[in-house]
Amino acid sequence: MTTRKRKRPDQAFTKRIREAFSGANDTEIARGIGLRQPVVFRYLSGEISPCYDFFWRLAQLKIDINWVLTGRSAPPIVPAEESEELQERLQRYYRKIEPYVKKHPEFLNELEAIADAFLKTRSELAYAQKKKR
């Protein structure tokens, strides 16, 4: 009987995933990504390599995949609690402007472009400040 040798976890990868989720534990990370906790544990412990779906889900959460894998580029700066609050505020705002958006769909595209530019600028500024420390 042969035993499967466990891979050594990539400490930097695990650290960046935890940082992306504001220091959350495996269960909280799994909940945030939408995967089962044992799967996330196996990824973070190095037992198995993360699959495409894991990275796709991170990207949907606006987590920079390049940063997760290499440590290069801006780290995420919005804590989970703040992110949920912002999402709720955006949903309330959208419900208010929905009748206008239905008549003028180009308005929503412009609004999304502005929000993306704002988040990118905010992320770059936070990364630059973090680098100075």
N, C-alpha and C. Protein backbone atom coordinates (compact mmCIF):
# COMPACT_ATOMS: atom_id res chain seq x y z
N MET A 1 0.84 -1.17 0.00
CA MET A 1 0.00 0.00 0.00
C MET A 1 0.89 1.25 0.00
N THR A 2 0.62 2.13 -0.92
CA THR A 2 1.41 3.36 -1.00
C THR A 2 0.60 4.51 -0.44
N THR A 3 1.30 5.41 0.18
CA THR A 3 0.63 6.60 0.70
C THR A 3 0.97 7.76 -0.20
N ARG A 4 -0.02 8.57 -0.39
CA ARG A 4 0.18 9.73 -1.24
C ARG A 4 0.87 10.82 -0.44
N LYS A 5 1.98 11.32 -0.97
CA LYS A 5 2.73 12.36 -0.30
C LYS A 5 2.00 13.69 -0.48
N ARG A 6 1.81 14.36 0.61
CA ARG A 6 1.12 15.65 0.59
C ARG A 6 2.04 16.74 0.09
N LYS A 7 1.54 17.56 -0.82
CA LYS A 7 2.33 18.69 -1.31
C LYS A 7 2.47 19.72 -0.20
N ARG A 8 3.57 20.41 -0.21
CA ARG A 8 3.78 21.50 0.75
C ARG A 8 2.96 22.71 0.29
N PRO A 9 2.18 23.31 1.18
CA PRO A 9 1.36 24.44 0.75
C PRO A 9 2.23 25.64 0.37
N ASP A 10 1.76 26.37 -0.61
CA ASP A 10 2.41 27.61 -1.00
C ASP A 10 1.97 28.67 0.02
N GLN A 11 2.85 28.96 0.97
CA GLN A 11 2.52 29.86 2.06
C GLN A 11 2.08 31.24 1.56
N ALA A 12 2.75 31.74 0.52
CA ALA A 12 2.42 33.07 0.00
C ALA A 12 1.02 33.07 -0.61
N PHE A 13 0.69 32.02 -1.35
CA PHE A 13 -0.64 31.90 -1.96
C PHE A 13 -1.70 31.89 -0.87
N THR A 14 -1.50 31.05 0.14
CA THR A 14 -2.45 30.95 1.24
C THR A 14 -2.60 32.28 1.96
N LYS A 15 -1.47 32.94 2.21
CA LYS A 15 -1.49 34.24 2.89
C LYS A 15 -2.28 35.27 2.08
N ARG A 16 -2.06 35.30 0.76
CA ARG A 16 -2.77 36.28 -0.08
C ARG A 16 -4.28 35.99 -0.13
N ILE A 17 -4.66 34.71 -0.16
CA ILE A 17 -6.09 34.39 -0.14
C ILE A 17 -6.70 34.87 1.17
N ARG A 18 -6.02 34.61 2.27
CA ARG A 18 -6.55 35.06 3.57
C ARG A 18 -6.62 36.59 3.62
N GLU A 19 -5.60 37.27 3.06
CA GLU A 19 -5.60 38.73 3.03
C GLU A 19 -6.77 39.25 2.19
N ALA A 20 -7.03 38.58 1.08
CA ALA A 20 -8.14 39.00 0.21
C ALA A 20 -9.47 38.92 0.94
N PHE A 21 -9.56 38.02 1.92
CA PHE A 21 -10.78 37.86 2.69
C PHE A 21 -10.61 38.40 4.12
N SER A 22 -9.76 39.41 4.26
CA SER A 22 -9.56 40.12 5.53
C SER A 22 -9.24 39.18 6.69
N GLY A 23 -8.38 38.19 6.43
CA GLY A 23 -7.92 37.29 7.49
C GLY A 23 -8.93 36.23 7.89
N ALA A 24 -9.92 35.98 7.06
CA ALA A 24 -10.97 35.01 7.38
C ALA A 24 -10.42 33.59 7.49
N ASN A 25 -11.17 32.73 8.19
CA ASN A 25 -10.77 31.32 8.27
C ASN A 25 -11.31 30.57 7.04
N ASP A 26 -10.98 29.28 6.95
CA ASP A 26 -11.36 28.48 5.78
C ASP A 26 -12.87 28.48 5.54
N THR A 27 -13.64 28.36 6.61
CA THR A 27 -15.09 28.31 6.49
C THR A 27 -15.64 29.62 5.93
N GLU A 28 -15.15 30.73 6.43
CA GLU A 28 -15.61 32.05 5.96
C GLU A 28 -15.19 32.28 4.51
N ILE A 29 -13.98 31.85 4.17
CA ILE A 29 -13.52 31.98 2.78
C ILE A 29 -14.39 31.14 1.87
N ALA A 30 -14.66 29.91 2.27
CA ALA A 30 -15.51 29.02 1.47
C ALA A 30 -16.88 29.63 1.25
N ARG A 31 -17.45 30.19 2.31
CA ARG A 31 -18.77 30.83 2.21
C ARG A 31 -18.71 32.00 1.24
N GLY A 32 -17.65 32.81 1.33
CA GLY A 32 -17.51 33.98 0.45
C GLY A 32 -17.35 33.60 -1.01
N ILE A 33 -16.65 32.50 -1.26
CA ILE A 33 -16.40 32.05 -2.64
C ILE A 33 -17.58 31.26 -3.17
N GLY A 34 -18.28 30.58 -2.27
CA GLY A 34 -19.39 29.73 -2.69
C GLY A 34 -18.97 28.30 -2.93
N LEU A 35 -17.93 27.85 -2.22
CA LEU A 35 -17.48 26.47 -2.30
C LEU A 35 -17.59 25.83 -0.92
N ARG A 36 -17.49 24.50 -0.88
CA ARG A 36 -17.53 23.80 0.39
C ARG A 36 -16.21 23.99 1.14
N GLN A 37 -16.28 24.05 2.46
CA GLN A 37 -15.10 24.29 3.29
C GLN A 37 -14.01 23.25 3.09
N PRO A 38 -14.33 21.94 2.99
CA PRO A 38 -13.25 20.95 2.80
C PRO A 38 -12.45 21.19 1.52
N VAL A 39 -13.11 21.67 0.48
CA VAL A 39 -12.43 21.94 -0.78
C VAL A 39 -11.46 23.10 -0.61
N VAL A 40 -11.93 24.16 0.02
CA VAL A 40 -11.07 25.33 0.25
C VAL A 40 -9.90 24.95 1.14
N PHE A 41 -10.16 24.14 2.17
CA PHE A 41 -9.08 23.68 3.05
C PHE A 41 -8.02 22.94 2.24
N ARG A 42 -8.45 22.07 1.35
CA ARG A 42 -7.50 21.27 0.54
C ARG A 42 -6.69 22.18 -0.39
N TYR A 43 -7.31 23.24 -0.92
CA TYR A 43 -6.57 24.20 -1.75
C TYR A 43 -5.52 24.93 -0.92
N LEU A 44 -5.94 25.45 0.23
CA LEU A 44 -5.05 26.28 1.04
C LEU A 44 -3.97 25.47 1.75
N SER A 45 -4.23 24.19 1.98
CA SER A 45 -3.23 23.34 2.63
C SER A 45 -2.24 22.77 1.62
N GLY A 46 -2.53 22.93 0.33
CA GLY A 46 -1.63 22.40 -0.70
C GLY A 46 -1.91 20.96 -1.06
N GLU A 47 -2.97 20.39 -0.50
CA GLU A 47 -3.29 18.99 -0.79
C GLU A 47 -3.66 18.82 -2.26
N ILE A 48 -4.41 19.77 -2.80
CA ILE A 48 -4.74 19.76 -4.22
C ILE A 48 -4.57 21.17 -4.77
N SER A 49 -4.38 21.26 -6.05
CA SER A 49 -4.25 22.57 -6.70
C SER A 49 -5.64 23.12 -7.01
N PRO A 50 -5.83 24.41 -6.83
CA PRO A 50 -7.13 25.01 -7.14
C PRO A 50 -7.48 24.83 -8.62
N CYS A 51 -8.76 24.66 -8.87
CA CYS A 51 -9.23 24.49 -10.25
C CYS A 51 -9.67 25.84 -10.84
N TYR A 52 -10.02 25.80 -12.10
CA TYR A 52 -10.48 26.99 -12.82
C TYR A 52 -11.64 27.66 -12.09
N ASP A 53 -12.59 26.88 -11.59
CA ASP A 53 -13.77 27.41 -10.93
C ASP A 53 -13.41 28.27 -9.72
N PHE A 54 -12.40 27.86 -8.98
CA PHE A 54 -11.95 28.62 -7.81
C PHE A 54 -11.50 30.01 -8.23
N PHE A 55 -10.67 30.08 -9.27
CA PHE A 55 -10.16 31.37 -9.73
C PHE A 55 -11.26 32.20 -10.39
N TRP A 56 -12.17 31.54 -11.08
CA TRP A 56 -13.28 32.25 -11.70
C TRP A 56 -14.13 32.93 -10.62
N ARG A 57 -14.37 32.20 -9.52
CA ARG A 57 -15.16 32.76 -8.43
C ARG A 57 -14.44 33.93 -7.76
N LEU A 58 -13.12 33.82 -7.62
CA LEU A 58 -12.35 34.94 -7.07
C LEU A 58 -12.48 36.16 -7.97
N ALA A 59 -12.37 35.95 -9.27
CA ALA A 59 -12.48 37.06 -10.22
C ALA A 59 -13.86 37.71 -10.15
N GLN A 60 -14.90 36.91 -9.94
CA GLN A 60 -16.25 37.46 -9.82
C GLN A 60 -16.36 38.36 -8.59
N LEU A 61 -15.52 38.11 -7.60
CA LEU A 61 -15.50 38.93 -6.39
C LEU A 61 -14.55 40.12 -6.53
N LYS A 62 -14.05 40.32 -7.74
CA LYS A 62 -13.12 41.42 -8.04
C LYS A 62 -11.79 41.28 -7.32
N ILE A 63 -11.37 40.03 -7.08
CA ILE A 63 -10.07 39.77 -6.48
C ILE A 63 -9.09 39.55 -7.62
N ASP A 64 -7.99 40.26 -7.60
CA ASP A 64 -6.99 40.23 -8.66
C ASP A 64 -6.28 38.87 -8.66
N ILE A 65 -6.56 38.05 -9.66
CA ILE A 65 -6.00 36.71 -9.77
C ILE A 65 -4.48 36.76 -9.90
N ASN A 66 -3.98 37.70 -10.65
CA ASN A 66 -2.53 37.84 -10.81
C ASN A 66 -1.87 38.09 -9.45
N TRP A 67 -2.49 38.93 -8.64
CA TRP A 67 -1.95 39.20 -7.31
C TRP A 67 -2.01 37.94 -6.44
N VAL A 68 -3.11 37.21 -6.51
CA VAL A 68 -3.25 35.98 -5.71
C VAL A 68 -2.14 34.99 -6.07
N LEU A 69 -1.85 34.86 -7.37
CA LEU A 69 -0.88 33.86 -7.81
C LEU A 69 0.57 34.31 -7.66
N THR A 70 0.84 35.59 -7.91
CA THR A 70 2.24 36.04 -7.97
C THR A 70 2.62 37.06 -6.92
N GLY A 71 1.63 37.72 -6.34
CA GLY A 71 1.91 38.79 -5.40
C GLY A 71 2.14 40.12 -6.09
N ARG A 72 2.04 40.15 -7.40
CA ARG A 72 2.23 41.40 -8.14
C ARG A 72 0.89 42.02 -8.48
N SER A 73 0.81 43.31 -8.42
CA SER A 73 -0.35 44.17 -8.67
C SER A 73 -1.02 44.50 -7.35
N ALA A 74 -2.06 45.28 -7.41
CA ALA A 74 -2.68 45.81 -6.19
C ALA A 74 -3.47 44.74 -5.45
N PRO A 75 -3.28 44.64 -4.13
CA PRO A 75 -4.10 43.72 -3.34
C PRO A 75 -5.51 44.27 -3.17
N PRO A 76 -6.47 43.41 -2.88
CA PRO A 76 -7.82 43.90 -2.64
C PRO A 76 -7.84 44.77 -1.38
N ILE A 77 -8.69 45.80 -1.39
CA ILE A 77 -8.67 46.72 -0.25
C ILE A 77 -10.03 46.85 0.43
N VAL A 78 -11.05 46.22 -0.09
CA VAL A 78 -12.37 46.37 0.50
C VAL A 78 -12.65 45.16 1.41
N PRO A 79 -12.71 45.39 2.73
CA PRO A 79 -13.03 44.28 3.64
C PRO A 79 -14.40 43.70 3.33
N ALA A 80 -14.62 42.46 3.70
CA ALA A 80 -15.86 41.75 3.38
C ALA A 80 -17.09 42.50 3.90
N GLU A 81 -17.02 42.99 5.14
CA GLU A 81 -18.18 43.68 5.72
C GLU A 81 -18.50 44.94 4.91
N GLU A 82 -17.46 45.69 4.55
CA GLU A 82 -17.65 46.91 3.79
C GLU A 82 -18.19 46.60 2.40
N SER A 83 -17.71 45.50 1.82
CA SER A 83 -18.15 45.09 0.50
C SER A 83 -19.64 44.76 0.51
N GLU A 84 -20.10 44.05 1.53
CA GLU A 84 -21.52 43.71 1.63
C GLU A 84 -22.36 44.98 1.79
N GLU A 85 -21.88 45.90 2.60
CA GLU A 85 -22.60 47.16 2.81
C GLU A 85 -22.68 47.95 1.50
N LEU A 86 -21.57 48.01 0.77
CA LEU A 86 -21.57 48.72 -0.51
C LEU A 86 -22.53 48.06 -1.49
N GLN A 87 -22.55 46.73 -1.50
CA GLN A 87 -23.46 46.03 -2.41
C GLN A 87 -24.91 46.35 -2.08
N GLU A 88 -25.25 46.37 -0.80
CA GLU A 88 -26.61 46.71 -0.38
C GLU A 88 -26.96 48.15 -0.80
N ARG A 89 -26.03 49.06 -0.59
CA ARG A 89 -26.27 50.46 -0.97
C ARG A 89 -26.47 50.59 -2.48
N LEU A 90 -25.64 49.87 -3.24
CA LEU A 90 -25.79 49.92 -4.70
C LEU A 90 -27.13 49.35 -5.14
N GLN A 91 -27.58 48.27 -4.50
CA GLN A 91 -28.87 47.70 -4.85
C GLN A 91 -30.02 48.67 -4.55
N ARG A 92 -29.94 49.34 -3.39
CA ARG A 92 -30.97 50.34 -3.06
C ARG A 92 -30.97 51.47 -4.08
N TYR A 93 -29.78 51.93 -4.43
CA TYR A 93 -29.65 53.02 -5.41
C TYR A 93 -30.20 52.59 -6.76
N TYR A 94 -29.85 51.37 -7.16
CA TYR A 94 -30.31 50.88 -8.47
C TYR A 94 -31.83 50.80 -8.51
N ARG A 95 -32.45 50.36 -7.42
CA ARG A 95 -33.92 50.28 -7.39
C ARG A 95 -34.53 51.67 -7.61
N LYS A 96 -33.86 52.70 -7.11
CA LYS A 96 -34.36 54.07 -7.29
C LYS A 96 -34.25 54.53 -8.73
N ILE A 97 -33.16 54.15 -9.40
CA ILE A 97 -32.94 54.65 -10.77
C ILE A 97 -33.39 53.66 -11.84
N GLU A 98 -33.88 52.50 -11.44
CA GLU A 98 -34.27 51.47 -12.41
C GLU A 98 -35.24 51.95 -13.49
N PRO A 99 -36.29 52.72 -13.16
CA PRO A 99 -37.20 53.18 -14.22
C PRO A 99 -36.46 54.02 -15.29
N TYR A 100 -35.54 54.86 -14.86
CA TYR A 100 -34.77 55.68 -15.79
C TYR A 100 -33.85 54.81 -16.65
N VAL A 101 -33.21 53.83 -16.01
CA VAL A 101 -32.26 52.96 -16.72
C VAL A 101 -32.97 52.14 -17.79
N LYS A 102 -34.20 51.72 -17.50
CA LYS A 102 -34.95 50.94 -18.49
C LYS A 102 -35.19 51.75 -19.76
N LYS A 103 -35.41 53.06 -19.59
CA LYS A 103 -35.62 53.93 -20.75
C LYS A 103 -34.31 54.33 -21.41
N HIS A 104 -33.22 54.38 -20.62
CA HIS A 104 -31.91 54.84 -21.11
C HIS A 104 -30.81 53.85 -20.67
N PRO A 105 -30.71 52.68 -21.32
CA PRO A 105 -29.75 51.67 -20.88
C PRO A 105 -28.29 52.13 -20.96
N GLU A 106 -28.01 53.09 -21.83
CA GLU A 106 -26.63 53.58 -21.94
C GLU A 106 -26.17 54.25 -20.65
N PHE A 107 -27.12 54.75 -19.87
CA PHE A 107 -26.82 55.38 -18.59
C PHE A 107 -26.15 54.38 -17.65
N LEU A 108 -26.64 53.15 -17.61
CA LEU A 108 -26.09 52.12 -16.74
C LEU A 108 -24.66 51.76 -17.16
N ASN A 109 -24.42 51.67 -18.46
CA ASN A 109 -23.06 51.38 -18.95
C ASN A 109 -22.08 52.46 -18.51
N GLU A 110 -22.50 53.70 -18.61
CA GLU A 110 -21.65 54.82 -18.20
C GLU A 110 -21.40 54.79 -16.69
N LEU A 111 -22.45 54.51 -15.94
CA LEU A 111 -22.33 54.43 -14.49
C LEU A 111 -21.37 53.30 -14.08
N GLU A 112 -21.46 52.15 -14.73
CA GLU A 112 -20.56 51.03 -14.45
C GLU A 112 -19.12 51.39 -14.78
N ALA A 113 -18.90 52.09 -15.89
CA ALA A 113 -17.55 52.50 -16.28
C ALA A 113 -16.95 53.46 -15.24
N ILE A 114 -17.76 54.37 -14.76
CA ILE A 114 -17.29 55.31 -13.73
C ILE A 114 -16.95 54.57 -12.45
N ALA A 115 -17.81 53.64 -12.03
CA ALA A 115 -17.57 52.87 -10.81
C ALA A 115 -16.29 52.04 -10.94
N ASP A 116 -16.09 51.40 -12.09
CA ASP A 116 -14.87 50.60 -12.30
C ASP A 116 -13.63 51.47 -12.24
N ALA A 117 -13.68 52.65 -12.86
CA ALA A 117 -12.53 53.56 -12.84
C ALA A 117 -12.25 54.02 -11.42
N PHE A 118 -13.30 54.31 -10.67
CA PHE A 118 -13.13 54.74 -9.28
C PHE A 118 -12.48 53.64 -8.45
N LEU A 119 -12.98 52.40 -8.57
CA LEU A 119 -12.43 51.29 -7.79
C LEU A 119 -10.98 51.01 -8.16
N LYS A 120 -10.66 51.12 -9.45
CA LYS A 120 -9.28 50.88 -9.89
C LYS A 120 -8.35 51.95 -9.29
N THR A 121 -8.78 53.21 -9.36
CA THR A 121 -7.98 54.31 -8.81
C THR A 121 -7.82 54.14 -7.31
N ARG A 122 -8.88 53.81 -6.63
CA ARG A 122 -8.84 53.61 -5.17
C ARG A 122 -7.87 52.48 -4.82
N SER A 123 -7.93 51.40 -5.57
CA SER A 123 -7.06 50.26 -5.33
C SER A 123 -5.60 50.63 -5.58
N GLU A 124 -5.33 51.37 -6.65
CA GLU A 124 -3.96 51.77 -6.96
C GLU A 124 -3.40 52.71 -5.90
N LEU A 125 -4.24 53.62 -5.41
CA LEU A 125 -3.80 54.54 -4.35
C LEU A 125 -3.48 53.78 -3.06
N ALA A 126 -4.32 52.84 -2.71
CA ALA A 126 -4.09 52.06 -1.48
C ALA A 126 -2.82 51.23 -1.62
N TYR A 127 -2.59 50.68 -2.80
CA TYR A 127 -1.38 49.87 -3.01
C TYR A 127 -0.14 50.75 -2.91
N ALA A 128 -0.19 51.95 -3.48
CA ALA A 128 0.94 52.87 -3.42
C ALA A 128 1.22 53.27 -1.97
N GLN A 129 0.17 53.53 -1.20
CA GLN A 129 0.35 53.89 0.20
C GLN A 129 0.95 52.73 0.99
N LYS A 130 0.49 51.52 0.69
CA LYS A 130 0.99 50.34 1.39
C LYS A 130 2.47 50.11 1.06
N LYS A 131 2.85 50.37 -0.18
CA LYS A 131 4.24 50.20 -0.62
C LYS A 131 5.17 51.16 0.09
N LYS A 132 4.69 52.39 0.39
CA LYS A 132 5.51 53.41 1.05
C LYS A 132 5.86 53.01 2.48
N ARG A 133 5.01 52.23 3.12
CA ARG A 133 5.24 51.85 4.54
C ARG A 133 6.38 50.91 4.69
